[in-house]
Amino acid sequence: MKGAIFLALSLSVVVPAAPPEGWLQVWGDDFNAKELNDREWIVRTDSKLLSTQVPENISLRDGLLVLTGRKQEVRGKGYTGAGIISRREFTHGYFEARMKYPKGAGWHGSFWLQMHDGQGGTGPSKTLQEMDIVETDTYNLTHYSTSIHRWNPLPVKMSVGGHAVVTTPDLSLDFHTWGCLWGEQETVMTFDGRPVLTAPAKLFPQGPQQVWLTMIGHDAGKHPIDNGQLPAEMTVDYVRVFSMPLAR
């Protein structure tokens, strides 16, 4: 597939608190520029759940990516969120982001791997799988979920690699690191270097994926957006992708 980066990985998985020694960073963003690099990122622009995602809610400040949620009516939604999607596509490798969540209920913040639908949204027609490294609903900031879904071939099957709910410190008080070691044999999700979910590769198809960082409005069924905590800001220190060194 044009523009894809294919990373070879075949090993017995041992998950470190950082990329394995000797691995090479092949892509990433430390967000130290003044503006988002639009040669590397696509802006999420769909309307989903409680919010419409808009470019104006994306900013870089003090070396951080800031995704902002606001009470603002756009395209039939009462709130606006934000998100970015990598233009590059990846297969096997180690993916990592360091992030902090906002206070106040009503926001769904995620770091995950899935193909972009070509129109700024999450339509599944172009993707084989969705790998949710972290999904946090901010009504409860002391846990998050991680899972793998199969979108194609049809029929859709959710949580093909299992689903884990991870207990954490308050995710709004400090930055934490989430990782995904996506191998040909196994995929391992991590929180601050600790494995929290392992899925055999045979449980789901393997195809190119793009990197997503997003925050959208979501009441999680019974927890409306806390208007007293707006604007809400999810901040990202960095996102990075690593591969094994090529054999000489």
C-alpha atoms as a PDB file:
ATOM      1  CA  MET A   1       0.000   0.000   0.000  1.00  0.00           C
ATOM      2  CA  LYS A   2       1.385   3.377  -1.020  1.00  0.00           C
ATOM      3  CA  GLY A   3       2.882   5.379   1.843  1.00  0.00           C
ATOM      4  CA  ALA A   4       2.908   2.456   4.258  1.00  0.00           C
ATOM      5  CA  ILE A   5       5.808   1.626   6.552  1.00  0.00           C
ATOM      6  CA  PHE A   6       6.095  -2.111   7.169  1.00  0.00           C
ATOM      7  CA  LEU A   7       7.975  -3.074  10.323  1.00  0.00           C
ATOM      8  CA  ALA A   8       9.273  -6.615  10.762  1.00  0.00           C
ATOM      9  CA  LEU A   9       8.747  -8.146  14.214  1.00  0.00           C
ATOM     10  CA  SER A  10       9.081 -11.778  15.166  1.00  0.00           C
ATOM     11  CA  LEU A  11      10.172 -12.520  18.715  1.00  0.00           C
ATOM     12  CA  SER A  12       9.125 -13.871  22.057  1.00  0.00           C
ATOM     13  CA  VAL A  13       7.528 -10.801  23.576  1.00  0.00           C
ATOM     14  CA  VAL A  14       9.231  -9.220  26.568  1.00  0.00           C
ATOM     15  CA  VAL A  15       7.809  -5.791  27.302  1.00  0.00           C
ATOM     16  CA  PRO A  16      10.166  -3.146  28.710  1.00  0.00           C
ATOM     17  CA  ALA A  17       9.285   0.219  30.255  1.00  0.00           C
ATOM     18  CA  ALA A  18      10.683   1.804  27.092  1.00  0.00           C
ATOM     19  CA  PRO A  19      11.312   0.620  23.516  1.00  0.00           C
ATOM     20  CA  PRO A  20      13.489  -2.523  23.453  1.00  0.00           C
ATOM     21  CA  GLU A  21      17.199  -1.842  23.450  1.00  0.00           C
ATOM     22  CA  GLY A  22      18.534  -1.302  19.967  1.00  0.00           C
ATOM     23  CA  TRP A  23      15.163  -0.653  18.384  1.00  0.00           C
ATOM     24  CA  LEU A  24      14.938   2.300  16.007  1.00  0.00           C
ATOM     25  CA  GLN A  25      12.449   5.135  16.056  1.00  0.00           C
ATOM     26  CA  VAL A  26      11.001   5.329  12.551  1.00  0.00           C
ATOM     27  CA  TRP A  27       8.344   7.993  13.119  1.00  0.00           C
ATOM     28  CA  GLY A  28       6.900  10.256  15.778  1.00  0.00           C
ATOM     29  CA  ASP A  29       6.080  13.748  16.945  1.00  0.00           C
ATOM     30  CA  ASP A  30       7.274  15.531  20.092  1.00  0.00           C
ATOM     31  CA  PHE A  31       4.994  18.506  19.334  1.00  0.00           C
ATOM     32  CA  ASN A  32       7.744  21.066  19.812  1.00  0.00           C
ATOM     33  CA  ALA A  33       6.783  23.141  16.765  1.00  0.00           C
ATOM     34  CA  LYS A  34       4.495  26.181  16.764  1.00  0.00           C
ATOM     35  CA  GLU A  35       1.835  24.506  14.624  1.00  0.00           C
ATOM     36  CA  LEU A  36       0.726  20.960  13.853  1.00  0.00           C
ATOM     37  CA  ASN A  37       2.696  19.421  10.994  1.00  0.00           C
ATOM     38  CA  ASP A  38       0.011  18.862   8.359  1.00  0.00           C
ATOM     39  CA  ARG A  39       2.445  16.866   6.225  1.00  0.00           C
ATOM     40  CA  GLU A  40       2.330  14.174   8.918  1.00  0.00           C
ATOM     41  CA  TRP A  41      -1.184  14.565  10.353  1.00  0.00           C
ATOM     42  CA  ILE A  42      -4.777  14.534   9.122  1.00  0.00           C
ATOM     43  CA  VAL A  43      -7.323  16.424  11.246  1.00  0.00           C
ATOM     44  CA  ARG A  44     -10.353  14.498  12.476  1.00  0.00           C
ATOM     45  CA  THR A  45     -13.524  16.260  11.310  1.00  0.00           C
ATOM     46  CA  ASP A  46     -16.455  13.889  11.907  1.00  0.00           C
ATOM     47  CA  SER A  47     -19.553  14.315  14.067  1.00  0.00           C
ATOM     48  CA  LYS A  48     -19.853  11.408  16.495  1.00  0.00           C
ATOM     49  CA  LEU A  49     -21.562  10.793  19.846  1.00  0.00           C
ATOM     50  CA  LEU A  50     -21.894  14.219  21.547  1.00  0.00           C
ATOM     51  CA  SER A  51     -19.399  16.302  19.560  1.00  0.00           C
ATOM     52  CA  THR A  52     -18.236  17.501  16.165  1.00  0.00           C
ATOM     53  CA  GLN A  53     -14.458  17.475  15.809  1.00  0.00           C
ATOM     54  CA  VAL A  54     -12.984  20.758  14.531  1.00  0.00           C
ATOM     55  CA  PRO A  55      -9.458  21.931  13.574  1.00  0.00           C
ATOM     56  CA  GLU A  56      -9.733  24.997  15.837  1.00  0.00           C
ATOM     57  CA  ASN A  57      -9.611  22.715  18.884  1.00  0.00           C
ATOM     58  CA  ILE A  58      -6.087  21.519  18.056  1.00  0.00           C
ATOM     59  CA  SER A  59      -3.088  23.505  19.279  1.00  0.00           C
ATOM     60  CA  LEU A  60       0.547  23.118  20.310  1.00  0.00           C
ATOM     61  CA  ARG A  61       1.622  24.717  23.587  1.00  0.00           C
ATOM     62  CA  ASP A  62       4.845  24.363  25.595  1.00  0.00           C
ATOM     63  CA  GLY A  63       5.875  21.236  23.728  1.00  0.00           C
ATOM     64  CA  LEU A  64       2.473  19.569  24.070  1.00  0.00           C
ATOM     65  CA  LEU A  65      -0.341  18.683  21.726  1.00  0.00           C
ATOM     66  CA  VAL A  66      -3.551  20.117  23.213  1.00  0.00           C
ATOM     67  CA  LEU A  67      -6.896  18.613  22.181  1.00  0.00           C
ATOM     68  CA  THR A  68      -9.692  20.827  23.503  1.00  0.00           C
ATOM     69  CA  GLY A  69     -13.362  20.124  24.152  1.00  0.00           C
ATOM     70  CA  ARG A  70     -15.855  22.994  24.192  1.00  0.00           C
ATOM     71  CA  LYS A  71     -19.575  23.694  24.527  1.00  0.00           C
ATOM     72  CA  GLN A  72     -20.200  24.818  20.963  1.00  0.00           C
ATOM     73  CA  GLU A  73     -22.890  23.909  18.432  1.00  0.00           C
ATOM     74  CA  VAL A  74     -21.538  22.587  15.131  1.00  0.00           C
ATOM     75  CA  ARG A  75     -23.391  20.358  12.649  1.00  0.00           C
ATOM     76  CA  GLY A  76     -26.135  19.354  15.050  1.00  0.00           C
ATOM     77  CA  LYS A  77     -23.907  18.569  18.047  1.00  0.00           C
ATOM     78  CA  GLY A  78     -23.818  20.704  21.188  1.00  0.00           C
ATOM     79  CA  TYR A  79     -20.083  20.247  21.789  1.00  0.00           C
ATOM     80  CA  THR A  80     -16.843  20.205  19.807  1.00  0.00           C
ATOM     81  CA  GLY A  81     -13.904  17.876  20.244  1.00  0.00           C
ATOM     82  CA  ALA A  82     -10.622  17.283  18.435  1.00  0.00           C
ATOM     83  CA  GLY A  83      -8.415  14.616  16.960  1.00  0.00           C
ATOM     84  CA  ILE A  84      -5.485  13.898  14.653  1.00  0.00           C
ATOM     85  CA  ILE A  85      -4.635  10.891  12.487  1.00  0.00           C
ATOM     86  CA  SER A  86      -1.215  10.016  11.090  1.00  0.00           C
ATOM     87  CA  ARG A  87      -0.876  10.239   7.330  1.00  0.00           C
ATOM     88  CA  ARG A  88       1.604   7.380   7.426  1.00  0.00           C
ATOM     89  CA  GLU A  89       0.495   3.782   7.788  1.00  0.00           C
ATOM     90  CA  PHE A  90       2.240   1.147   9.868  1.00  0.00           C
ATOM     91  CA  THR A  91       2.193  -2.559  10.529  1.00  0.00           C
ATOM     92  CA  HIS A  92       4.177  -4.405  13.201  1.00  0.00           C
ATOM     93  CA  GLY A  93       6.213  -2.378  15.674  1.00  0.00           C
ATOM     94  CA  TYR A  94       6.183  -0.686  19.058  1.00  0.00           C
ATOM     95  CA  PHE A  95       3.831   2.308  19.478  1.00  0.00           C
ATOM     96  CA  GLU A  96       3.943   4.665  22.452  1.00  0.00           C
ATOM     97  CA  ALA A  97       2.328   7.912  23.640  1.00  0.00           C
ATOM     98  CA  ARG A  98       2.608   9.936  26.837  1.00  0.00           C
ATOM     99  CA  MET A  99      -0.591  11.766  27.777  1.00  0.00           C
ATOM    100  CA  LYS A 100      -2.673  13.425  30.490  1.00  0.00           C
ATOM    101  CA  TYR A 101      -6.476  13.582  30.636  1.00  0.00           C
ATOM    102  CA  PRO A 102      -8.795  16.472  31.552  1.00  0.00           C
ATOM    103  CA  LYS A 103     -10.912  16.689  34.676  1.00  0.00           C
ATOM    104  CA  GLY A 104     -14.680  16.606  34.339  1.00  0.00           C
ATOM    105  CA  ALA A 105     -17.044  13.947  33.020  1.00  0.00           C
ATOM    106  CA  GLY A 106     -18.182  13.577  29.446  1.00  0.00           C
ATOM    107  CA  TRP A 107     -15.026  13.125  27.334  1.00  0.00           C
ATOM    108  CA  HIS A 108     -13.685  10.030  25.619  1.00  0.00           C
ATOM    109  CA  GLY A 109      -9.929  10.245  25.057  1.00  0.00           C
ATOM    110  CA  SER A 110      -8.111   7.651  22.984  1.00  0.00           C
ATOM    111  CA  PHE A 111      -4.793   6.555  21.502  1.00  0.00           C
ATOM    112  CA  TRP A 112      -5.331   3.782  18.996  1.00  0.00           C
ATOM    113  CA  LEU A 113      -4.504   2.230  15.605  1.00  0.00           C
ATOM    114  CA  GLN A 114      -7.061   2.061  12.781  1.00  0.00           C
ATOM    115  CA  MET A 115      -7.272   2.981   9.108  1.00  0.00           C
ATOM    116  CA  HIS A 116      -8.783   6.376   8.319  1.00  0.00           C
ATOM    117  CA  ASP A 117     -12.039   6.365   6.325  1.00  0.00           C
ATOM    118  CA  GLY A 118     -10.800   9.062   3.942  1.00  0.00           C
ATOM    119  CA  GLN A 119     -13.319  11.631   5.176  1.00  0.00           C
ATOM    120  CA  GLY A 120     -12.043  12.562   8.624  1.00  0.00           C
ATOM    121  CA  GLY A 121     -13.865   9.809  10.511  1.00  0.00           C
ATOM    122  CA  THR A 122     -13.748   6.228  11.755  1.00  0.00           C
ATOM    123  CA  GLY A 123     -15.749   4.287   9.143  1.00  0.00           C
ATOM    124  CA  PRO A 124     -14.572   0.667   9.121  1.00  0.00           C
ATOM    125  CA  SER A 125     -14.719  -0.057   5.385  1.00  0.00           C
ATOM    126  CA  LYS A 126     -10.968   0.418   4.856  1.00  0.00           C
ATOM    127  CA  THR A 127      -9.642  -1.297   7.964  1.00  0.00           C
ATOM    128  CA  LEU A 128      -9.126  -4.888   9.052  1.00  0.00           C
ATOM    129  CA  GLN A 129      -8.764  -4.240  12.750  1.00  0.00           C
ATOM    130  CA  GLU A 130      -8.895  -1.560  15.425  1.00  0.00           C
ATOM    131  CA  MET A 131      -6.312  -1.689  18.195  1.00  0.00           C
ATOM    132  CA  ASP A 132      -7.406   0.423  21.168  1.00  0.00           C
ATOM    133  CA  ILE A 133      -4.273   1.048  23.203  1.00  0.00           C
ATOM    134  CA  VAL A 134      -6.184   3.284  25.634  1.00  0.00           C
ATOM    135  CA  GLU A 135      -9.791   4.494  25.837  1.00  0.00           C
ATOM    136  CA  THR A 136     -10.714   6.638  28.838  1.00  0.00           C
ATOM    137  CA  ASP A 137     -14.152   8.033  29.697  1.00  0.00           C
ATOM    138  CA  THR A 138     -13.443  10.929  32.026  1.00  0.00           C
ATOM    139  CA  TYR A 139     -16.325  10.336  34.425  1.00  0.00           C
ATOM    140  CA  ASN A 140     -13.913   7.868  36.076  1.00  0.00           C
ATOM    141  CA  LEU A 141     -10.272   8.866  35.813  1.00  0.00           C
ATOM    142  CA  THR A 142      -8.913   5.891  37.746  1.00  0.00           C
ATOM    143  CA  HIS A 143      -9.430   3.302  35.043  1.00  0.00           C
ATOM    144  CA  TYR A 144      -9.302   2.841  31.272  1.00  0.00           C
ATOM    145  CA  SER A 145      -9.998   0.066  28.769  1.00  0.00           C
ATOM    146  CA  THR A 146      -7.843  -1.574  26.103  1.00  0.00           C
ATOM    147  CA  SER A 147      -8.957  -4.017  23.405  1.00  0.00           C
ATOM    148  CA  ILE A 148      -8.670  -5.244  19.812  1.00  0.00           C
ATOM    149  CA  HIS A 149     -11.597  -5.379  17.366  1.00  0.00           C
ATOM    150  CA  ARG A 150     -11.956  -7.073  13.997  1.00  0.00           C
ATOM    151  CA  TRP A 151     -13.782  -4.969  11.398  1.00  0.00           C
ATOM    152  CA  ASN A 152     -13.132  -6.970   8.261  1.00  0.00           C
ATOM    153  CA  PRO A 153     -13.753  -9.459   6.849  1.00  0.00           C
ATOM    154  CA  LEU A 154     -17.398  -9.177   7.835  1.00  0.00           C
ATOM    155  CA  PRO A 155     -19.154  -9.838  10.111  1.00  0.00           C
ATOM    156  CA  VAL A 156     -17.671  -7.344  12.578  1.00  0.00           C
ATOM    157  CA  LYS A 157     -16.450  -8.949  15.792  1.00  0.00           C
ATOM    158  CA  MET A 158     -15.594  -6.864  18.824  1.00  0.00           C
ATOM    159  CA  SER A 159     -12.790  -7.638  21.279  1.00  0.00           C
ATOM    160  CA  VAL A 160     -11.243 -10.462  19.269  1.00  0.00           C
ATOM    161  CA  GLY A 161      -8.084 -10.218  21.334  1.00  0.00           C
ATOM    162  CA  GLY A 162      -9.833  -9.774  24.644  1.00  0.00           C
ATOM    163  CA  HIS A 163     -10.709  -6.681  26.625  1.00  0.00           C
ATOM    164  CA  ALA A 164      -9.060  -5.349  29.771  1.00  0.00           C
ATOM    165  CA  VAL A 165     -10.132  -2.661  32.228  1.00  0.00           C
ATOM    166  CA  VAL A 166      -7.011  -1.293  33.908  1.00  0.00           C
ATOM    167  CA  THR A 167      -6.988   0.405  37.325  1.00  0.00           C
ATOM    168  CA  THR A 168      -4.795   3.510  37.432  1.00  0.00           C
ATOM    169  CA  PRO A 169      -3.917   6.598  39.462  1.00  0.00           C
ATOM    170  CA  ASP A 170      -5.988   9.688  38.622  1.00  0.00           C
ATOM    171  CA  LEU A 171      -5.152  10.208  34.947  1.00  0.00           C
ATOM    172  CA  SER A 172      -5.782  13.963  35.164  1.00  0.00           C
ATOM    173  CA  LEU A 173      -3.056  14.594  37.748  1.00  0.00           C
ATOM    174  CA  ASP A 174       0.032  13.555  35.796  1.00  0.00           C
ATOM    175  CA  PHE A 175       1.291  12.177  32.502  1.00  0.00           C
ATOM    176  CA  HIS A 176       1.364   8.429  31.907  1.00  0.00           C
ATOM    177  CA  THR A 177       2.740   6.283  29.105  1.00  0.00           C
ATOM    178  CA  TRP A 178       0.735   3.815  27.034  1.00  0.00           C
ATOM    179  CA  GLY A 179       2.358   1.334  24.660  1.00  0.00           C
ATOM    180  CA  CYS A 180       1.505  -1.345  22.135  1.00  0.00           C
ATOM    181  CA  LEU A 181       4.003  -3.982  21.035  1.00  0.00           C
ATOM    182  CA  TRP A 182       2.313  -5.287  17.891  1.00  0.00           C
ATOM    183  CA  GLY A 183       4.036  -8.484  16.825  1.00  0.00           C
ATOM    184  CA  GLU A 184       3.501 -11.158  14.202  1.00  0.00           C
ATOM    185  CA  GLN A 185       2.871 -13.679  16.965  1.00  0.00           C
ATOM    186  CA  GLU A 186       1.474 -11.580  19.821  1.00  0.00           C
ATOM    187  CA  THR A 187       0.278  -8.089  20.619  1.00  0.00           C
ATOM    188  CA  VAL A 188       0.930  -6.697  24.096  1.00  0.00           C
ATOM    189  CA  MET A 189      -0.672  -3.520  25.493  1.00  0.00           C
ATOM    190  CA  THR A 190       1.155  -1.722  28.306  1.00  0.00           C
ATOM    191  CA  PHE A 191       0.582   0.999  30.894  1.00  0.00           C
ATOM    192  CA  ASP A 192       3.700   2.734  32.246  1.00  0.00           C
ATOM    193  CA  GLY A 193       5.729  -0.247  31.002  1.00  0.00           C
ATOM    194  CA  ARG A 194       3.492  -2.881  32.633  1.00  0.00           C
ATOM    195  CA  PRO A 195       1.754  -5.448  30.381  1.00  0.00           C
ATOM    196  CA  VAL A 196      -2.032  -5.256  30.788  1.00  0.00           C
ATOM    197  CA  LEU A 197      -3.327  -7.290  27.813  1.00  0.00           C
ATOM    198  CA  THR A 198      -1.807  -9.945  25.545  1.00  0.00           C
ATOM    199  CA  ALA A 199      -3.514 -11.183  22.384  1.00  0.00           C
ATOM    200  CA  PRO A 200      -2.296 -13.933  20.024  1.00  0.00           C
ATOM    201  CA  ALA A 201      -2.013 -12.615  16.478  1.00  0.00           C
ATOM    202  CA  LYS A 202      -4.051 -15.507  15.050  1.00  0.00           C
ATOM    203  CA  LEU A 203      -7.188 -14.037  16.649  1.00  0.00           C
ATOM    204  CA  PHE A 204      -7.411 -11.112  14.229  1.00  0.00           C
ATOM    205  CA  PRO A 205      -6.310 -10.132  10.679  1.00  0.00           C
ATOM    206  CA  GLN A 206      -3.154  -8.088  10.235  1.00  0.00           C
ATOM    207  CA  GLY A 207      -3.217  -4.985   8.052  1.00  0.00           C
ATOM    208  CA  PRO A 208      -1.744  -1.468   7.828  1.00  0.00           C
ATOM    209  CA  GLN A 209      -2.978   1.004  10.439  1.00  0.00           C
ATOM    210  CA  GLN A 210      -2.778   4.727  11.138  1.00  0.00           C
ATOM    211  CA  VAL A 211      -2.127   6.315  14.538  1.00  0.00           C
ATOM    212  CA  TRP A 212      -4.999   8.237  16.178  1.00  0.00           C
ATOM    213  CA  LEU A 213      -5.033  10.700  19.104  1.00  0.00           C
ATOM    214  CA  THR A 214      -8.511  12.045  19.816  1.00  0.00           C
ATOM    215  CA  MET A 215     -10.903  13.448  22.415  1.00  0.00           C
ATOM    216  CA  ILE A 216     -14.645  13.478  21.691  1.00  0.00           C
ATOM    217  CA  GLY A 217     -17.778  14.154  23.723  1.00  0.00           C
ATOM    218  CA  HIS A 218     -19.291  11.013  25.239  1.00  0.00           C
ATOM    219  CA  ASP A 219     -21.680  10.660  28.168  1.00  0.00           C
ATOM    220  CA  ALA A 220     -20.878   6.939  28.599  1.00  0.00           C
ATOM    221  CA  GLY A 221     -24.592   6.302  28.963  1.00  0.00           C
ATOM    222  CA  LYS A 222     -25.202   8.210  32.172  1.00  0.00           C
ATOM    223  CA  HIS A 223     -22.510  10.816  32.781  1.00  0.00           C
ATOM    224  CA  PRO A 224     -23.191  14.039  30.836  1.00  0.00           C
ATOM    225  CA  ILE A 225     -20.456  16.508  29.985  1.00  0.00           C
ATOM    226  CA  ASP A 226     -19.492  18.606  33.006  1.00  0.00           C
ATOM    227  CA  ASN A 227     -19.946  22.157  31.741  1.00  0.00           C
ATOM    228  CA  GLY A 228     -18.237  23.498  34.856  1.00  0.00           C
ATOM    229  CA  GLN A 229     -14.936  21.980  33.688  1.00  0.00           C
ATOM    230  CA  LEU A 230     -14.880  23.507  30.209  1.00  0.00           C
ATOM    231  CA  PRO A 231     -12.892  23.977  28.139  1.00  0.00           C
ATOM    232  CA  ALA A 232     -11.482  20.491  28.706  1.00  0.00           C
ATOM    233  CA  GLU A 233      -7.930  19.732  27.545  1.00  0.00           C
ATOM    234  CA  MET A 234      -6.311  16.400  26.819  1.00  0.00           C
ATOM    235  CA  THR A 235      -2.552  16.926  26.473  1.00  0.00           C
ATOM    236  CA  VAL A 236      -0.042  14.704  24.668  1.00  0.00           C
ATOM    237  CA  ASP A 237       3.692  14.954  25.291  1.00  0.00           C
ATOM    238  CA  TYR A 238       4.723  12.729  22.386  1.00  0.00           C
ATOM    239  CA  VAL A 239       3.819   9.806  20.147  1.00  0.00           C
ATOM    240  CA  ARG A 240       6.496   7.480  18.729  1.00  0.00           C
ATOM    241  CA  VAL A 241       6.820   4.387  16.574  1.00  0.00           C
ATOM    242  CA  PHE A 242       9.788   1.978  16.736  1.00  0.00           C
ATOM    243  CA  SER A 243      10.960  -1.034  14.746  1.00  0.00           C
ATOM    244  CA  MET A 244      13.569  -3.719  15.205  1.00  0.00           C
ATOM    245  CA  PRO A 245      16.987  -3.031  13.651  1.00  0.00           C
ATOM    246  CA  LEU A 246      17.342  -4.656  10.230  1.00  0.00           C
ATOM    247  CA  ALA A 247      19.698  -7.648  10.117  1.00  0.00           C
ATOM    248  CA  ARG A 248      23.001  -6.997   8.358  1.00  0.00           C
END
